[in-house]
Amino acid sequence: MPKIDVENVPTIRGVGYPPPFEQPCAERIRRRLGDAGGLTQFGVNLMMLPPGNWSSQRHWHSHEDEFVYVLDGETLLCAGDCAVFPKGTGNGHHMINRSASTARRARRRISKSACACGKT
């Protein structure tokens, strides 16, 4: 089994939104674990949200399902909680860390297509 050394997966800080939309997500840190393991059919990300940061602007996906599992910390979900966002529902979502500590979550996207509101 190929093991991924998570600490050696490059980090990506912030998002690709134009000003001023990038500001709430500016300190978000993401590691693309699926890419590091060579996956091509779906993505798996480990995301760290410092206090006050957003995972993204509110968005939804027309062509891909999304699954979120909170590992540590608290958004509207707490550690151990999970949520699903089926494609095509128009159910906009994002996570906001309203706690005093960093929240970590894992996210799985079933394809690598664009979302309805920019890059995530």
C-alpha atoms as a PDB file:
ATOM      1  CA  MET A   1       0.000   0.000   0.000  1.00  0.00           C
ATOM      2  CA  PRO A   2       1.548   3.331  -1.018  1.00  0.00           C
ATOM      3  CA  LYS A   3       1.600   5.526   2.066  1.00  0.00           C
ATOM      4  CA  ILE A   4       1.450   9.300   1.649  1.00  0.00           C
ATOM      5  CA  ASP A   5       3.698  11.319   3.942  1.00  0.00           C
ATOM      6  CA  VAL A   6       1.190  14.093   4.647  1.00  0.00           C
ATOM      7  CA  GLU A   7       3.799  16.440   6.116  1.00  0.00           C
ATOM      8  CA  ASN A   8       5.716  16.375   2.817  1.00  0.00           C
ATOM      9  CA  VAL A   9       2.691  17.140   0.629  1.00  0.00           C
ATOM     10  CA  PRO A  10       3.016  20.774  -0.511  1.00  0.00           C
ATOM     11  CA  THR A  11       0.695  23.289   1.112  1.00  0.00           C
ATOM     12  CA  ILE A  12      -1.392  25.796  -0.802  1.00  0.00           C
ATOM     13  CA  ARG A  13      -2.339  28.937   1.110  1.00  0.00           C
ATOM     14  CA  GLY A  14      -5.411  30.970   0.188  1.00  0.00           C
ATOM     15  CA  VAL A  15      -7.579  30.666  -2.914  1.00  0.00           C
ATOM     16  CA  GLY A  16      -7.662  31.964  -6.482  1.00  0.00           C
ATOM     17  CA  TYR A  17     -10.560  34.376  -5.992  1.00  0.00           C
ATOM     18  CA  PRO A  18     -10.155  38.004  -7.088  1.00  0.00           C
ATOM     19  CA  PRO A  19     -10.186  40.805  -4.487  1.00  0.00           C
ATOM     20  CA  PRO A  20     -12.089  41.297  -2.258  1.00  0.00           C
ATOM     21  CA  PHE A  21     -13.518  37.750  -2.368  1.00  0.00           C
ATOM     22  CA  GLU A  22     -10.223  36.076  -1.447  1.00  0.00           C
ATOM     23  CA  GLN A  23      -9.953  37.826   1.940  1.00  0.00           C
ATOM     24  CA  PRO A  24     -12.119  35.485   4.107  1.00  0.00           C
ATOM     25  CA  CYS A  25     -10.146  32.499   2.746  1.00  0.00           C
ATOM     26  CA  ALA A  26      -6.691  34.107   2.708  1.00  0.00           C
ATOM     27  CA  GLU A  27      -5.139  31.943   5.437  1.00  0.00           C
ATOM     28  CA  ARG A  28      -6.777  28.662   4.446  1.00  0.00           C
ATOM     29  CA  ILE A  29      -4.190  25.908   3.964  1.00  0.00           C
ATOM     30  CA  ARG A  30      -4.826  22.917   1.703  1.00  0.00           C
ATOM     31  CA  ARG A  31      -2.856  19.780   0.932  1.00  0.00           C
ATOM     32  CA  ARG A  32      -3.899  17.853  -2.188  1.00  0.00           C
ATOM     33  CA  LEU A  33      -3.537  14.311  -0.878  1.00  0.00           C
ATOM     34  CA  GLY A  34      -5.206  12.672  -3.875  1.00  0.00           C
ATOM     35  CA  ASP A  35      -2.811  14.361  -6.290  1.00  0.00           C
ATOM     36  CA  ALA A  36       0.147  13.360  -4.111  1.00  0.00           C
ATOM     37  CA  GLY A  37      -0.998   9.731  -4.380  1.00  0.00           C
ATOM     38  CA  GLY A  38      -1.510   9.904  -8.152  1.00  0.00           C
ATOM     39  CA  LEU A  39      -5.323   9.827  -8.158  1.00  0.00           C
ATOM     40  CA  THR A  40      -6.914  11.120 -11.361  1.00  0.00           C
ATOM     41  CA  GLN A  41     -10.645  10.317 -11.029  1.00  0.00           C
ATOM     42  CA  PHE A  42     -11.379  12.204  -7.811  1.00  0.00           C
ATOM     43  CA  GLY A  43      -9.680  14.579  -5.416  1.00  0.00           C
ATOM     44  CA  VAL A  44      -8.955  14.294  -1.703  1.00  0.00           C
ATOM     45  CA  ASN A  45      -7.870  17.388   0.196  1.00  0.00           C
ATOM     46  CA  LEU A  46      -6.792  18.013   3.756  1.00  0.00           C
ATOM     47  CA  MET A  47      -7.760  21.556   4.693  1.00  0.00           C
ATOM     48  CA  MET A  48      -6.746  23.601   7.710  1.00  0.00           C
ATOM     49  CA  LEU A  49      -8.858  26.629   8.599  1.00  0.00           C
ATOM     50  CA  PRO A  50      -7.337  29.056  11.097  1.00  0.00           C
ATOM     51  CA  PRO A  51      -9.813  30.852  13.382  1.00  0.00           C
ATOM     52  CA  GLY A  52     -12.136  33.137  11.411  1.00  0.00           C
ATOM     53  CA  ASN A  53     -11.226  31.717   8.000  1.00  0.00           C
ATOM     54  CA  TRP A  54     -13.610  30.288   5.419  1.00  0.00           C
ATOM     55  CA  SER A  55     -13.021  27.149   3.357  1.00  0.00           C
ATOM     56  CA  SER A  56     -14.279  28.980   0.252  1.00  0.00           C
ATOM     57  CA  GLN A  57     -16.952  31.365  -0.883  1.00  0.00           C
ATOM     58  CA  ARG A  58     -20.395  29.773  -0.752  1.00  0.00           C
ATOM     59  CA  HIS A  59     -20.681  27.546  -3.843  1.00  0.00           C
ATOM     60  CA  TRP A  60     -22.207  24.367  -5.243  1.00  0.00           C
ATOM     61  CA  HIS A  61     -21.240  21.805  -7.842  1.00  0.00           C
ATOM     62  CA  SER A  62     -23.225  20.929 -10.939  1.00  0.00           C
ATOM     63  CA  HIS A  63     -21.167  17.871 -11.958  1.00  0.00           C
ATOM     64  CA  GLU A  64     -19.591  16.421  -8.823  1.00  0.00           C
ATOM     65  CA  ASP A  65     -20.524  15.212  -5.375  1.00  0.00           C
ATOM     66  CA  GLU A  66     -18.621  16.450  -2.342  1.00  0.00           C
ATOM     67  CA  PHE A  67     -18.039  14.771   1.023  1.00  0.00           C
ATOM     68  CA  VAL A  68     -16.582  16.582   4.060  1.00  0.00           C
ATOM     69  CA  TYR A  69     -15.310  14.979   7.275  1.00  0.00           C
ATOM     70  CA  VAL A  70     -14.171  17.213  10.156  1.00  0.00           C
ATOM     71  CA  LEU A  71     -11.044  15.825  11.827  1.00  0.00           C
ATOM     72  CA  ASP A  72     -10.378  18.520  14.452  1.00  0.00           C
ATOM     73  CA  GLY A  73     -11.893  21.797  15.533  1.00  0.00           C
ATOM     74  CA  GLU A  74     -15.286  23.260  14.901  1.00  0.00           C
ATOM     75  CA  THR A  75     -17.177  24.944  12.089  1.00  0.00           C
ATOM     76  CA  LEU A  76     -20.929  24.381  11.997  1.00  0.00           C
ATOM     77  CA  LEU A  77     -19.729  20.777  12.158  1.00  0.00           C
ATOM     78  CA  CYS A  78     -17.598  19.411  14.992  1.00  0.00           C
ATOM     79  CA  ALA A  79     -14.770  16.872  15.014  1.00  0.00           C
ATOM     80  CA  GLY A  80     -16.159  13.516  13.899  1.00  0.00           C
ATOM     81  CA  ASP A  81     -19.065  15.050  11.949  1.00  0.00           C
ATOM     82  CA  CYS A  82     -19.471  14.621   8.218  1.00  0.00           C
ATOM     83  CA  ALA A  83     -21.670  16.193   5.548  1.00  0.00           C
ATOM     84  CA  VAL A  84     -22.487  15.448   1.927  1.00  0.00           C
ATOM     85  CA  PHE A  85     -23.312  17.839  -0.890  1.00  0.00           C
ATOM     86  CA  PRO A  86     -24.783  15.974  -3.892  1.00  0.00           C
ATOM     87  CA  LYS A  87     -24.114  17.420  -7.329  1.00  0.00           C
ATOM     88  CA  GLY A  88     -26.775  19.421  -9.108  1.00  0.00           C
ATOM     89  CA  THR A  89     -28.844  20.346  -6.058  1.00  0.00           C
ATOM     90  CA  GLY A  90     -27.909  24.032  -5.923  1.00  0.00           C
ATOM     91  CA  ASN A  91     -27.249  23.553  -2.193  1.00  0.00           C
ATOM     92  CA  GLY A  92     -24.559  26.156  -1.635  1.00  0.00           C
ATOM     93  CA  HIS A  93     -22.033  25.415   1.077  1.00  0.00           C
ATOM     94  CA  HIS A  94     -18.804  26.493   2.722  1.00  0.00           C
ATOM     95  CA  MET A  95     -17.238  26.077   6.154  1.00  0.00           C
ATOM     96  CA  ILE A  96     -16.389  28.942   8.508  1.00  0.00           C
ATOM     97  CA  ASN A  97     -14.142  28.374  11.497  1.00  0.00           C
ATOM     98  CA  ARG A  98     -15.832  30.316  14.287  1.00  0.00           C
ATOM     99  CA  SER A  99     -13.726  28.707  17.019  1.00  0.00           C
ATOM    100  CA  ALA A 100     -10.487  29.882  18.630  1.00  0.00           C
ATOM    101  CA  SER A 101      -8.398  26.990  17.252  1.00  0.00           C
ATOM    102  CA  THR A 102      -7.520  25.657  13.810  1.00  0.00           C
ATOM    103  CA  ALA A 103     -10.101  23.318  12.275  1.00  0.00           C
ATOM    104  CA  ARG A 104      -8.986  20.434  10.031  1.00  0.00           C
ATOM    105  CA  ARG A 105     -11.222  18.686   7.548  1.00  0.00           C
ATOM    106  CA  ALA A 106     -10.877  16.131   4.799  1.00  0.00           C
ATOM    107  CA  ARG A 107     -12.765  16.695   1.568  1.00  0.00           C
ATOM    108  CA  ARG A 108     -13.412  14.262  -1.252  1.00  0.00           C
ATOM    109  CA  ARG A 109     -14.656  15.426  -4.637  1.00  0.00           C
ATOM    110  CA  ILE A 110     -15.799  12.830  -7.140  1.00  0.00           C
ATOM    111  CA  SER A 111     -14.446  14.607 -10.214  1.00  0.00           C
ATOM    112  CA  LYS A 112     -12.219  17.566 -10.935  1.00  0.00           C
ATOM    113  CA  SER A 113     -14.721  19.758 -12.772  1.00  0.00           C
ATOM    114  CA  ALA A 114     -15.422  23.408 -12.049  1.00  0.00           C
ATOM    115  CA  CYS A 115     -17.916  24.505  -9.442  1.00  0.00           C
ATOM    116  CA  ALA A 116     -20.717  27.024  -9.868  1.00  0.00           C
ATOM    117  CA  CYS A 117     -18.903  29.874  -8.151  1.00  0.00           C
ATOM    118  CA  GLY A 118     -15.182  29.849  -8.919  1.00  0.00           C
ATOM    119  CA  LYS A 119     -12.196  27.853  -7.712  1.00  0.00           C
ATOM    120  CA  THR A 120     -12.192  25.806  -4.504  1.00  0.00           C
END
